[in-house]
Protein backbone atom coordinates (compact mmCIF):
# COMPACT_ATOMS: atom_id res chain seq x y z
CA UNK A 1 8.92 11.28 0.45
CA UNK A 2 12.13 9.29 0.85
CA UNK A 3 12.98 6.88 -1.94
CA UNK A 4 15.77 4.50 -2.81
CA UNK A 5 17.94 5.95 -5.56
CA UNK A 6 17.31 3.99 -8.75
CA UNK A 7 19.88 4.21 -11.59
CA UNK A 8 18.76 6.36 -14.51
CA UNK A 9 19.55 3.60 -17.02
CA UNK A 10 17.32 1.20 -15.15
CA UNK A 11 14.47 3.70 -15.00
CA UNK A 12 14.74 4.27 -18.74
CA UNK A 13 14.49 0.53 -19.32
CA UNK A 14 11.48 0.37 -17.02
CA UNK A 15 9.72 3.27 -18.74
CA UNK A 16 10.41 1.75 -22.15
CA UNK A 17 8.83 -1.50 -21.00
CA UNK A 18 5.72 0.36 -19.90
CA UNK A 19 5.45 2.27 -23.18
CA UNK A 20 6.02 -0.71 -25.43
CA UNK A 21 3.64 -2.97 -23.60
CA UNK A 22 5.39 -6.27 -22.72
CA UNK A 23 6.25 -6.77 -19.09
CA UNK A 24 9.96 -6.58 -18.46
CA UNK A 25 9.88 -9.20 -15.73
CA UNK A 26 10.87 -12.74 -16.61
CA UNK A 27 8.42 -13.96 -14.03
CA UNK A 28 5.28 -12.50 -12.55
CA UNK A 29 5.62 -10.00 -9.72
CA UNK A 30 3.47 -10.80 -6.69
CA UNK A 31 2.15 -7.90 -4.62
CA UNK A 32 0.06 -8.22 -1.47
CA UNK A 33 -2.49 -5.60 -0.42
CA UNK A 34 -1.98 -5.86 3.33
CA UNK A 35 -4.64 -3.75 4.96
CA UNK A 36 -8.09 -3.46 6.47
CA UNK A 37 -11.61 -3.02 5.06
CA UNK A 38 -10.48 -0.11 2.88
CA UNK A 39 -8.39 -2.56 0.86
CA UNK A 40 -10.54 -5.64 1.40
CA UNK A 41 -13.50 -4.18 -0.50
CA UNK A 42 -16.05 -3.79 2.28
CA UNK A 43 -19.62 -4.20 0.91
CA UNK A 44 -18.37 -4.08 -2.68
CA UNK A 45 -18.62 -6.70 -5.44
CA UNK A 46 -15.45 -8.83 -5.51
CA UNK A 47 -14.25 -7.26 -8.76
CA UNK A 48 -14.52 -3.74 -7.30
CA UNK A 49 -12.08 -4.22 -4.41
CA UNK A 50 -8.81 -2.30 -4.42
CA UNK A 51 -6.51 -5.28 -5.18
CA UNK A 52 -8.63 -6.34 -8.18
CA UNK A 53 -8.92 -2.84 -9.63
CA UNK A 54 -5.21 -2.24 -9.10
CA UNK A 55 -4.24 -5.50 -10.80
CA UNK A 56 -6.43 -4.63 -13.80
CA UNK A 57 -4.78 -1.20 -14.05
CA UNK A 58 -1.31 -2.72 -13.99
CA UNK A 59 -2.17 -5.40 -16.54
CA UNK A 60 -3.61 -2.68 -18.77
CA UNK A 61 -0.10 -1.19 -18.77
CA UNK A 62 1.32 -4.50 -19.99
CA UNK A 63 2.76 -5.47 -16.62
CA UNK A 64 2.71 -9.07 -15.43
CA UNK A 65 1.60 -8.46 -11.84
CA UNK A 66 -0.66 -10.31 -9.42
CA UNK A 67 -2.15 -8.31 -6.56
CA UNK A 68 -3.34 -10.51 -3.72
CA UNK A 69 -6.03 -9.41 -1.32
CA UNK A 70 -4.69 -10.17 2.14
CA UNK A 71 -6.66 -7.40 3.83
CA UNK A 72 -8.86 -8.10 6.85
CA UNK A 73 -11.81 -5.85 7.71
CA UNK A 74 -11.51 -4.35 11.16
CA UNK A 75 -7.78 -4.98 11.38
CA UNK A 76 -5.50 -2.65 13.32
CA UNK A 77 -1.76 -2.19 12.93
CA UNK A 78 -1.23 -4.54 15.90
CA UNK A 79 -3.56 -7.10 14.34
CA UNK A 80 -1.65 -6.84 11.09
CA UNK A 81 1.65 -7.42 12.87
CA UNK A 82 0.26 -10.51 14.59
CA UNK A 83 -0.77 -12.12 11.27
CA UNK A 84 2.02 -10.80 9.07
CA UNK A 85 4.07 -13.96 8.62
CA UNK A 86 1.19 -16.27 7.80
CA UNK A 87 -0.61 -13.68 5.64
CA UNK A 88 2.38 -12.86 3.44
CA UNK A 89 3.59 -15.90 1.51
CA UNK A 90 7.20 -16.62 0.72
CA UNK A 91 6.60 -15.81 -2.95
CA UNK A 92 5.45 -12.24 -2.28
CA UNK A 93 7.77 -9.62 -3.81
CA UNK A 94 6.16 -6.46 -2.49
CA UNK A 95 3.55 -5.24 -0.03
CA UNK A 96 1.16 -2.31 -0.09
CA UNK A 97 0.85 -1.58 3.62
CA UNK A 98 -2.54 0.03 4.32
CA UNK A 99 -3.35 -0.09 8.02
CA UNK A 100 -4.03 2.49 10.70
CA UNK A 101 -7.57 3.67 10.02
CA UNK A 102 -9.05 1.43 12.72
CA UNK A 103 -6.37 2.50 15.19
CA UNK A 104 -7.45 6.11 14.72
CA UNK A 105 -11.18 5.35 14.78
CA UNK A 106 -10.71 3.52 18.09
CA UNK A 107 -8.43 6.15 19.55
CA UNK A 108 -5.54 3.72 20.01
CA UNK A 109 -2.53 5.32 21.65
CA UNK A 110 -0.32 6.55 18.77
CA UNK A 111 2.72 5.07 20.49
CA UNK A 112 1.16 1.61 20.19
CA UNK A 113 0.36 2.23 16.54
CA UNK A 114 3.87 3.50 15.81
CA UNK A 115 5.46 0.47 17.47
CA UNK A 116 3.27 -1.94 15.49
CA UNK A 117 3.95 -0.23 12.16
CA UNK A 118 7.68 -0.12 12.85
CA UNK A 119 7.81 -3.78 13.84
CA UNK A 120 5.92 -4.69 10.66
CA UNK A 121 8.26 -2.70 8.42
CA UNK A 122 11.29 -4.17 10.15
CA UNK A 123 9.92 -7.65 9.54
CA UNK A 124 9.36 -6.92 5.85
CA UNK A 125 12.94 -5.68 5.60
CA UNK A 126 14.19 -8.90 7.24
CA UNK A 127 12.31 -10.86 4.61
CA UNK A 128 13.65 -8.71 1.75
CA UNK A 129 10.15 -7.61 0.77
CA UNK A 130 9.78 -4.17 -0.79
CA UNK A 131 7.05 -2.00 0.74
CA UNK A 132 4.79 0.84 -0.29
CA UNK A 133 3.48 2.53 2.87
CA UNK A 134 0.02 3.96 2.22
CA UNK A 135 -0.38 6.49 4.99
CA UNK A 136 -3.44 7.27 7.05
CA UNK A 137 -4.59 10.46 8.78
CA UNK A 138 -6.45 10.79 12.06
CA UNK A 139 -10.01 12.18 11.99
CA UNK A 140 -10.02 15.88 13.03
CA UNK A 141 -12.47 15.22 15.87
CA UNK A 142 -9.74 13.41 17.82
CA UNK A 143 -8.00 16.71 18.47
CA UNK A 144 -4.76 18.38 17.49
CA UNK A 145 -2.53 16.55 19.98
CA UNK A 146 -3.70 13.11 18.89
CA UNK A 147 -3.64 14.12 15.23
CA UNK A 148 -0.06 15.41 15.41
CA UNK A 149 1.13 12.24 17.13
CA UNK A 150 -0.71 9.93 14.75
CA UNK A 151 -0.15 11.72 11.45
CA UNK A 152 3.64 11.66 11.76
CA UNK A 153 3.82 7.89 12.16
CA UNK A 154 3.69 6.88 8.51
CA UNK A 155 5.98 9.51 6.95
CA UNK A 156 8.52 9.07 9.76
CA UNK A 157 8.71 5.31 9.41
CA UNK A 158 8.57 5.29 5.61
CA UNK A 159 11.62 7.54 5.69
CA UNK A 160 13.40 5.48 8.36
CA UNK A 161 12.92 2.23 6.45
CA UNK A 162 13.36 3.78 3.02
CA UNK A 163 10.06 2.57 1.59
CA UNK A 164 7.95 4.00 -1.19
CA UNK A 165 5.48 6.36 0.48
CA UNK A 166 1.98 7.44 -0.51
CA UNK A 167 0.88 10.01 2.08
CA UNK A 168 -2.87 9.29 2.38
CA UNK A 169 -4.60 6.18 1.05
CA UNK A 170 -7.98 7.95 0.83
CA UNK A 171 -6.65 11.02 -0.96
CA UNK A 172 -9.35 12.46 -3.22
CA UNK A 173 -12.01 10.19 -1.71
CA UNK A 174 -12.28 11.00 2.01
CA UNK A 175 -15.14 13.40 2.67
CA UNK A 176 -16.56 13.05 -0.85
CA UNK A 177 -20.13 11.83 -0.34
CA UNK A 178 -20.53 10.48 -3.89
CA UNK A 179 -17.38 8.36 -3.55
CA UNK A 180 -18.24 6.75 -0.23
CA UNK A 181 -20.82 4.29 1.05
CA UNK A 182 -23.57 5.62 3.35
CA UNK A 183 -21.29 5.05 6.37
CA UNK A 184 -19.07 7.84 4.93
CA UNK A 185 -16.00 5.77 5.74
CA UNK A 186 -15.65 3.11 3.05
CA UNK A 187 -15.19 3.98 -0.63
CA UNK A 188 -17.60 2.95 -3.35
CA UNK A 189 -16.33 1.16 -6.45
CA UNK A 190 -15.90 4.59 -8.03
CA UNK A 191 -14.01 5.76 -4.97
CA UNK A 192 -11.68 2.78 -5.21
CA UNK A 193 -11.05 3.65 -8.86
CA UNK A 194 -9.90 7.12 -7.77
CA UNK A 195 -7.58 5.56 -5.17
CA UNK A 196 -6.09 3.26 -7.80
CA UNK A 197 -5.58 6.12 -10.26
CA UNK A 198 -3.79 8.26 -7.68
CA UNK A 199 -1.63 5.59 -6.09
CA UNK A 200 -0.65 3.94 -9.39
CA UNK A 201 2.58 5.94 -9.96
CA UNK A 202 3.81 4.91 -6.52
CA UNK A 203 2.90 1.29 -7.16
CA UNK A 204 4.96 1.50 -10.35
CA UNK A 205 7.84 2.88 -8.26
CA UNK A 206 7.45 -0.16 -6.01
CA UNK A 207 7.59 -2.46 -9.03
CA UNK A 208 10.73 -0.70 -10.28
CA UNK A 209 12.40 -1.38 -6.94
CA UNK A 210 11.44 -5.04 -7.14
CA UNK A 211 12.87 -5.30 -10.64
CA UNK A 212 16.07 -3.59 -9.49
CA UNK A 213 16.35 -6.06 -6.62
CA UNK A 214 16.00 -8.94 -9.08
CA UNK A 215 18.67 -7.47 -11.32
CA UNK A 216 21.10 -6.98 -8.46
CA UNK A 217 20.30 -10.30 -6.76
CA UNK A 218 19.38 -12.84 -9.46
CA UNK A 219 18.09 -16.13 -8.14
């Protein structure tokens, strides 16, 4: 994991804000969950989708954060790139990038996936939007060669573009029958809760970066 170095004094201020309750931001932070059906909440009640559960978890910590659901079921990394600019509003401060599962399920050439992810991250950088890359892993049945080529995409590019990195979006949920719908691909509401619990520290790291950016570049 490759992360921007954040001054200790700033981190202490951030941690204090979390412990004492009030959000340290003067204005609400806007995050966008930019992904596919795993983020969109496929076959789940609206209040069980990842963006909703994540927003509730952040608010419970006293943080003034809105998490927008800009995920599209069935989307690939190339599809995400094609809709990036009109999906991500000008007021968005940070993005949780969760794409790649459909590329792997369809056996898309990893080079195509890598190029799409890289172009997306480069575009976010151009727009001064902080990113948390939520990685994806290829199913084992696609073979070692494909898996090796695919599984290096997200860590490589997160490091290259110095984003916050969460290695596997479905960590703790993939392969767990009780935490997935009958299709064994999409998480249940309980599965989403596990995802939120595990990714939350990295989302907080993303928020700390956004706050640091605001401090260094006040509007």
